């Protein structure tokens, strides 16, 4: 029995099918790669935050915050101001001064974006204050909303979005560069977790 020799029309049909499969593979490959990256948890470095993302975010809008002049502090989403929240222990002395200086340097490092960031300091303000450091007193139940309590030698720092949700935590002894990077991402476009 002899093998049939391919006719020119069969070869053209096979070539057309191969070309069609190749085109389909070219369209499917990026989709398959994206699915793989998504399900393995990969993220580009420039969109990854440095602080610890809090899941779920803690709602601070129902907390009573009072400014030093006695007026109530309100959250206003439309002002697009991000807040760094510090809740130090009473009489933390040098630790508070050092942290306030670190936050002042971060704020200065934000350059043109510095106007979109305030530092909310709950308790007696440090001597090393700066223009956007806002001293506040807070509802005692604020401690229940925070993931951890500050100690004299270990003061965590938090980031609050413009609506009043606590979203990021920085452990005591955090790298100031990390907070500055996250704040820059937040005020210019966003951070994902």
C-alpha atoms as a PDB file:
ATOM      1  CA  UNK A   1       0.000   0.000   0.000  1.00  0.00           C
ATOM      2  CA  UNK A   2       1.455   3.301  -0.957  1.00  0.00           C
ATOM      3  CA  UNK A   3       1.242   6.541   1.037  1.00  0.00           C
ATOM      4  CA  UNK A   4      -0.680   9.268  -0.690  1.00  0.00           C
ATOM      5  CA  UNK A   5       1.458  12.182  -1.660  1.00  0.00           C
ATOM      6  CA  UNK A   6       0.221  15.505  -0.320  1.00  0.00           C
ATOM      7  CA  UNK A   7      -1.514  17.604  -2.849  1.00  0.00           C
ATOM      8  CA  UNK A   8      -0.784  21.315  -3.021  1.00  0.00           C
ATOM      9  CA  UNK A   9      -4.216  22.097  -1.541  1.00  0.00           C
ATOM     10  CA  UNK A  10      -3.577  19.867   1.551  1.00  0.00           C
ATOM     11  CA  UNK A  11      -0.225  21.560   2.203  1.00  0.00           C
ATOM     12  CA  UNK A  12      -1.803  25.010   1.971  1.00  0.00           C
ATOM     13  CA  UNK A  13      -4.609  23.931   4.325  1.00  0.00           C
ATOM     14  CA  UNK A  14      -2.086  22.554   6.871  1.00  0.00           C
ATOM     15  CA  UNK A  15      -0.015  25.736   6.652  1.00  0.00           C
ATOM     16  CA  UNK A  16      -3.134  27.886   7.181  1.00  0.00           C
ATOM     17  CA  UNK A  17      -4.074  25.861  10.267  1.00  0.00           C
ATOM     18  CA  UNK A  18      -0.574  26.198  11.707  1.00  0.00           C
ATOM     19  CA  UNK A  19      -0.611  29.959  11.113  1.00  0.00           C
ATOM     20  CA  UNK A  20      -4.030  30.201  12.783  1.00  0.00           C
ATOM     21  CA  UNK A  21      -2.785  28.203  15.808  1.00  0.00           C
ATOM     22  CA  UNK A  22       0.326  30.381  16.024  1.00  0.00           C
ATOM     23  CA  UNK A  23      -1.794  33.562  16.005  1.00  0.00           C
ATOM     24  CA  UNK A  24      -4.088  32.132  18.690  1.00  0.00           C
ATOM     25  CA  UNK A  25      -1.065  31.192  20.833  1.00  0.00           C
ATOM     26  CA  UNK A  26       0.355  34.715  20.462  1.00  0.00           C
ATOM     27  CA  UNK A  27      -2.903  36.172  21.840  1.00  0.00           C
ATOM     28  CA  UNK A  28      -3.314  33.553  24.598  1.00  0.00           C
ATOM     29  CA  UNK A  29       0.288  33.633  25.916  1.00  0.00           C
ATOM     30  CA  UNK A  30       0.136  37.105  27.583  1.00  0.00           C
ATOM     31  CA  UNK A  31      -3.215  36.220  29.164  1.00  0.00           C
ATOM     32  CA  UNK A  32      -1.808  32.934  30.502  1.00  0.00           C
ATOM     33  CA  UNK A  33       1.285  34.725  31.829  1.00  0.00           C
ATOM     34  CA  UNK A  34      -0.877  37.348  33.549  1.00  0.00           C
ATOM     35  CA  UNK A  35      -2.994  34.660  35.204  1.00  0.00           C
ATOM     36  CA  UNK A  36       0.132  32.867  36.388  1.00  0.00           C
ATOM     37  CA  UNK A  37       1.605  36.062  37.885  1.00  0.00           C
ATOM     38  CA  UNK A  38      -1.704  36.997  39.524  1.00  0.00           C
ATOM     39  CA  UNK A  39      -2.226  33.621  41.191  1.00  0.00           C
ATOM     40  CA  UNK A  40       1.388  33.375  42.378  1.00  0.00           C
ATOM     41  CA  UNK A  41       1.074  36.794  44.068  1.00  0.00           C
ATOM     42  CA  UNK A  42       3.788  38.561  42.081  1.00  0.00           C
ATOM     43  CA  UNK A  43       3.641  42.374  41.996  1.00  0.00           C
ATOM     44  CA  UNK A  44       5.925  44.901  40.375  1.00  0.00           C
ATOM     45  CA  UNK A  45       8.289  46.433  42.947  1.00  0.00           C
ATOM     46  CA  UNK A  46       7.130  50.022  42.370  1.00  0.00           C
ATOM     47  CA  UNK A  47       3.529  49.270  43.407  1.00  0.00           C
ATOM     48  CA  UNK A  48       4.356  47.306  46.541  1.00  0.00           C
ATOM     49  CA  UNK A  49       4.019  49.152  49.815  1.00  0.00           C
ATOM     50  CA  UNK A  50       6.712  49.109  52.498  1.00  0.00           C
ATOM     51  CA  UNK A  51       4.425  49.464  55.492  1.00  0.00           C
ATOM     52  CA  UNK A  52       2.261  46.629  56.773  1.00  0.00           C
ATOM     53  CA  UNK A  53      -1.138  46.805  55.058  1.00  0.00           C
ATOM     54  CA  UNK A  54      -3.945  46.474  57.599  1.00  0.00           C
ATOM     55  CA  UNK A  55      -6.697  44.059  56.536  1.00  0.00           C
ATOM     56  CA  UNK A  56      -9.354  45.121  57.100  1.00  0.00           C
ATOM     57  CA  UNK A  57      -8.669  48.849  57.279  1.00  0.00           C
ATOM     58  CA  UNK A  58      -9.761  50.336  60.631  1.00  0.00           C
ATOM     59  CA  UNK A  59     -12.435  53.027  60.461  1.00  0.00           C
ATOM     60  CA  UNK A  60     -11.451  56.044  62.606  1.00  0.00           C
ATOM     61  CA  UNK A  61     -14.314  58.310  61.488  1.00  0.00           C
ATOM     62  CA  UNK A  62     -16.364  57.585  64.595  1.00  0.00           C
ATOM     63  CA  UNK A  63     -13.469  58.468  66.941  1.00  0.00           C
ATOM     64  CA  UNK A  64     -13.535  61.800  68.761  1.00  0.00           C
ATOM     65  CA  UNK A  65     -10.373  63.771  67.940  1.00  0.00           C
ATOM     66  CA  UNK A  66      -9.984  67.264  69.395  1.00  0.00           C
ATOM     67  CA  UNK A  67      -7.466  69.866  68.238  1.00  0.00           C
ATOM     68  CA  UNK A  68      -5.286  71.786  70.696  1.00  0.00           C
ATOM     69  CA  UNK A  69      -7.611  74.822  70.370  1.00  0.00           C
ATOM     70  CA  UNK A  70     -10.590  72.694  71.477  1.00  0.00           C
ATOM     71  CA  UNK A  71     -12.236  72.346  68.044  1.00  0.00           C
ATOM     72  CA  UNK A  72     -13.219  68.935  66.749  1.00  0.00           C
ATOM     73  CA  UNK A  73     -10.981  67.320  64.111  1.00  0.00           C
ATOM     74  CA  UNK A  74     -13.009  66.092  61.112  1.00  0.00           C
ATOM     75  CA  UNK A  75     -12.036  63.769  58.252  1.00  0.00           C
ATOM     76  CA  UNK A  76     -12.634  65.309  54.832  1.00  0.00           C
ATOM     77  CA  UNK A  77     -12.127  62.978  51.896  1.00  0.00           C
ATOM     78  CA  UNK A  78     -12.320  65.839  49.420  1.00  0.00           C
ATOM     79  CA  UNK A  79      -9.192  67.534  50.796  1.00  0.00           C
ATOM     80  CA  UNK A  80      -7.072  64.558  49.569  1.00  0.00           C
ATOM     81  CA  UNK A  81      -4.817  64.876  52.620  1.00  0.00           C
ATOM     82  CA  UNK A  82      -3.123  61.738  53.875  1.00  0.00           C
ATOM     83  CA  UNK A  83      -2.331  61.564  57.591  1.00  0.00           C
ATOM     84  CA  UNK A  84       0.500  59.996  59.518  1.00  0.00           C
ATOM     85  CA  UNK A  85      -0.880  59.043  62.945  1.00  0.00           C
ATOM     86  CA  UNK A  86       1.330  58.834  66.015  1.00  0.00           C
ATOM     87  CA  UNK A  87      -0.089  57.739  69.383  1.00  0.00           C
ATOM     88  CA  UNK A  88       2.910  57.841  71.737  1.00  0.00           C
ATOM     89  CA  UNK A  89       2.810  56.927  75.436  1.00  0.00           C
ATOM     90  CA  UNK A  90       2.760  59.741  77.977  1.00  0.00           C
ATOM     91  CA  UNK A  91       6.160  61.201  78.866  1.00  0.00           C
ATOM     92  CA  UNK A  92       8.093  59.442  76.120  1.00  0.00           C
ATOM     93  CA  UNK A  93      10.712  62.226  76.113  1.00  0.00           C
ATOM     94  CA  UNK A  94      13.698  61.647  73.853  1.00  0.00           C
ATOM     95  CA  UNK A  95      11.970  58.876  71.874  1.00  0.00           C
ATOM     96  CA  UNK A  96       9.177  61.276  70.907  1.00  0.00           C
ATOM     97  CA  UNK A  97      11.621  64.034  69.982  1.00  0.00           C
ATOM     98  CA  UNK A  98      13.599  61.622  67.823  1.00  0.00           C
ATOM     99  CA  UNK A  99      10.442  60.323  66.102  1.00  0.00           C
ATOM    100  CA  UNK A 100       9.143  63.875  65.518  1.00  0.00           C
ATOM    101  CA  UNK A 101      12.477  64.825  63.933  1.00  0.00           C
ATOM    102  CA  UNK A 102      12.315  61.721  61.703  1.00  0.00           C
ATOM    103  CA  UNK A 103       8.759  62.620  60.619  1.00  0.00           C
ATOM    104  CA  UNK A 104       9.770  66.233  59.957  1.00  0.00           C
ATOM    105  CA  UNK A 105      12.588  65.021  57.696  1.00  0.00           C
ATOM    106  CA  UNK A 106      10.209  62.671  55.869  1.00  0.00           C
ATOM    107  CA  UNK A 107       7.757  65.537  55.406  1.00  0.00           C
ATOM    108  CA  UNK A 108      10.513  67.795  54.016  1.00  0.00           C
ATOM    109  CA  UNK A 109      11.644  64.936  51.738  1.00  0.00           C
ATOM    110  CA  UNK A 110       8.189  64.839  50.140  1.00  0.00           C
ATOM    111  CA  UNK A 111       8.964  68.162  48.460  1.00  0.00           C
ATOM    112  CA  UNK A 112       6.000  69.401  46.393  1.00  0.00           C
ATOM    113  CA  UNK A 113       3.826  66.591  47.803  1.00  0.00           C
ATOM    114  CA  UNK A 114       4.352  67.694  51.426  1.00  0.00           C
ATOM    115  CA  UNK A 115       1.183  69.809  51.372  1.00  0.00           C
ATOM    116  CA  UNK A 116      -0.876  66.619  50.950  1.00  0.00           C
ATOM    117  CA  UNK A 117       0.386  65.072  54.201  1.00  0.00           C
ATOM    118  CA  UNK A 118      -0.328  65.950  57.845  1.00  0.00           C
ATOM    119  CA  UNK A 119       1.104  64.365  60.967  1.00  0.00           C
ATOM    120  CA  UNK A 120      -1.526  63.790  63.647  1.00  0.00           C
ATOM    121  CA  UNK A 121       0.179  63.593  67.026  1.00  0.00           C
ATOM    122  CA  UNK A 122      -2.098  62.328  69.805  1.00  0.00           C
ATOM    123  CA  UNK A 123      -0.941  63.770  73.112  1.00  0.00           C
ATOM    124  CA  UNK A 124       1.499  66.475  74.098  1.00  0.00           C
ATOM    125  CA  UNK A 125       3.326  67.627  70.971  1.00  0.00           C
ATOM    126  CA  UNK A 126       7.115  67.310  70.792  1.00  0.00           C
ATOM    127  CA  UNK A 127       9.322  70.379  70.746  1.00  0.00           C
ATOM    128  CA  UNK A 128      10.562  69.548  67.237  1.00  0.00           C
ATOM    129  CA  UNK A 129       7.266  70.467  65.615  1.00  0.00           C
ATOM    130  CA  UNK A 130       6.693  71.571  62.040  1.00  0.00           C
ATOM    131  CA  UNK A 131       3.957  73.243  60.032  1.00  0.00           C
ATOM    132  CA  UNK A 132       1.748  70.218  59.391  1.00  0.00           C
ATOM    133  CA  UNK A 133       2.168  68.531  62.772  1.00  0.00           C
ATOM    134  CA  UNK A 134      -1.316  68.642  64.313  1.00  0.00           C
ATOM    135  CA  UNK A 135      -1.469  67.962  68.051  1.00  0.00           C
ATOM    136  CA  UNK A 136      -4.693  66.210  69.062  1.00  0.00           C
ATOM    137  CA  UNK A 137      -6.362  64.573  71.985  1.00  0.00           C
ATOM    138  CA  UNK A 138      -8.346  61.446  71.227  1.00  0.00           C
ATOM    139  CA  UNK A 139     -11.170  59.313  72.462  1.00  0.00           C
ATOM    140  CA  UNK A 140      -9.745  56.706  74.899  1.00  0.00           C
ATOM    141  CA  UNK A 141     -11.279  53.961  72.733  1.00  0.00           C
ATOM    142  CA  UNK A 142      -8.757  54.789  69.980  1.00  0.00           C
ATOM    143  CA  UNK A 143      -6.438  52.179  71.503  1.00  0.00           C
ATOM    144  CA  UNK A 144      -8.915  49.437  70.525  1.00  0.00           C
ATOM    145  CA  UNK A 145      -8.607  50.437  66.856  1.00  0.00           C
ATOM    146  CA  UNK A 146      -4.807  50.257  66.809  1.00  0.00           C
ATOM    147  CA  UNK A 147      -3.046  46.937  66.133  1.00  0.00           C
ATOM    148  CA  UNK A 148      -0.550  47.517  68.948  1.00  0.00           C
ATOM    149  CA  UNK A 149       0.188  49.862  71.823  1.00  0.00           C
ATOM    150  CA  UNK A 150       3.167  52.199  71.934  1.00  0.00           C
ATOM    151  CA  UNK A 151       5.837  51.921  74.571  1.00  0.00           C
ATOM    152  CA  UNK A 152       8.410  54.544  75.488  1.00  0.00           C
ATOM    153  CA  UNK A 153      11.078  52.631  73.561  1.00  0.00           C
ATOM    154  CA  UNK A 154       8.795  51.420  70.728  1.00  0.00           C
ATOM    155  CA  UNK A 155       6.386  53.793  68.992  1.00  0.00           C
ATOM    156  CA  UNK A 156       4.590  52.503  65.890  1.00  0.00           C
ATOM    157  CA  UNK A 157       3.429  54.926  63.200  1.00  0.00           C
ATOM    158  CA  UNK A 158       0.290  54.596  61.068  1.00  0.00           C
ATOM    159  CA  UNK A 159      -1.005  56.022  57.789  1.00  0.00           C
ATOM    160  CA  UNK A 160      -4.640  57.117  57.547  1.00  0.00           C
ATOM    161  CA  UNK A 161      -6.328  57.754  54.198  1.00  0.00           C
ATOM    162  CA  UNK A 162      -8.221  61.017  53.501  1.00  0.00           C
ATOM    163  CA  UNK A 163     -11.543  59.388  54.469  1.00  0.00           C
ATOM    164  CA  UNK A 164     -10.350  58.368  57.940  1.00  0.00           C
ATOM    165  CA  UNK A 165      -9.366  54.720  57.472  1.00  0.00           C
ATOM    166  CA  UNK A 166      -6.217  53.392  59.126  1.00  0.00           C
ATOM    167  CA  UNK A 167      -4.520  51.463  56.304  1.00  0.00           C
ATOM    168  CA  UNK A 168      -0.770  51.072  56.977  1.00  0.00           C
ATOM    169  CA  UNK A 169       1.374  50.344  60.036  1.00  0.00           C
ATOM    170  CA  UNK A 170       5.106  50.932  60.454  1.00  0.00           C
ATOM    171  CA  UNK A 171       6.749  48.972  63.240  1.00  0.00           C
ATOM    172  CA  UNK A 172       8.887  50.777  65.815  1.00  0.00           C
ATOM    173  CA  UNK A 173      12.332  51.482  64.375  1.00  0.00           C
ATOM    174  CA  UNK A 174      10.990  51.635  60.791  1.00  0.00           C
ATOM    175  CA  UNK A 175      13.165  52.934  57.969  1.00  0.00           C
ATOM    176  CA  UNK A 176      12.095  56.568  57.274  1.00  0.00           C
ATOM    177  CA  UNK A 177      12.775  56.045  53.571  1.00  0.00           C
ATOM    178  CA  UNK A 178      10.047  53.374  53.464  1.00  0.00           C
ATOM    179  CA  UNK A 179       7.407  55.709  54.891  1.00  0.00           C
ATOM    180  CA  UNK A 180       8.462  58.495  52.515  1.00  0.00           C
ATOM    181  CA  UNK A 181       8.250  56.123  49.521  1.00  0.00           C
ATOM    182  CA  UNK A 182       4.766  54.950  50.514  1.00  0.00           C
ATOM    183  CA  UNK A 183       3.533  58.498  51.117  1.00  0.00           C
ATOM    184  CA  UNK A 184       4.890  59.584  47.737  1.00  0.00           C
ATOM    185  CA  UNK A 185       3.044  56.695  46.066  1.00  0.00           C
ATOM    186  CA  UNK A 186      -0.159  57.489  47.964  1.00  0.00           C
ATOM    187  CA  UNK A 187      -0.297  61.196  47.184  1.00  0.00           C
ATOM    188  CA  UNK A 188       0.657  60.666  43.540  1.00  0.00           C
ATOM    189  CA  UNK A 189      -1.350  57.582  42.682  1.00  0.00           C
ATOM    190  CA  UNK A 190      -1.740  54.806  45.204  1.00  0.00           C
ATOM    191  CA  UNK A 191      -0.248  51.805  46.939  1.00  0.00           C
ATOM    192  CA  UNK A 192      -1.476  48.278  46.665  1.00  0.00           C
ATOM    193  CA  UNK A 193      -1.091  45.549  49.164  1.00  0.00           C
END
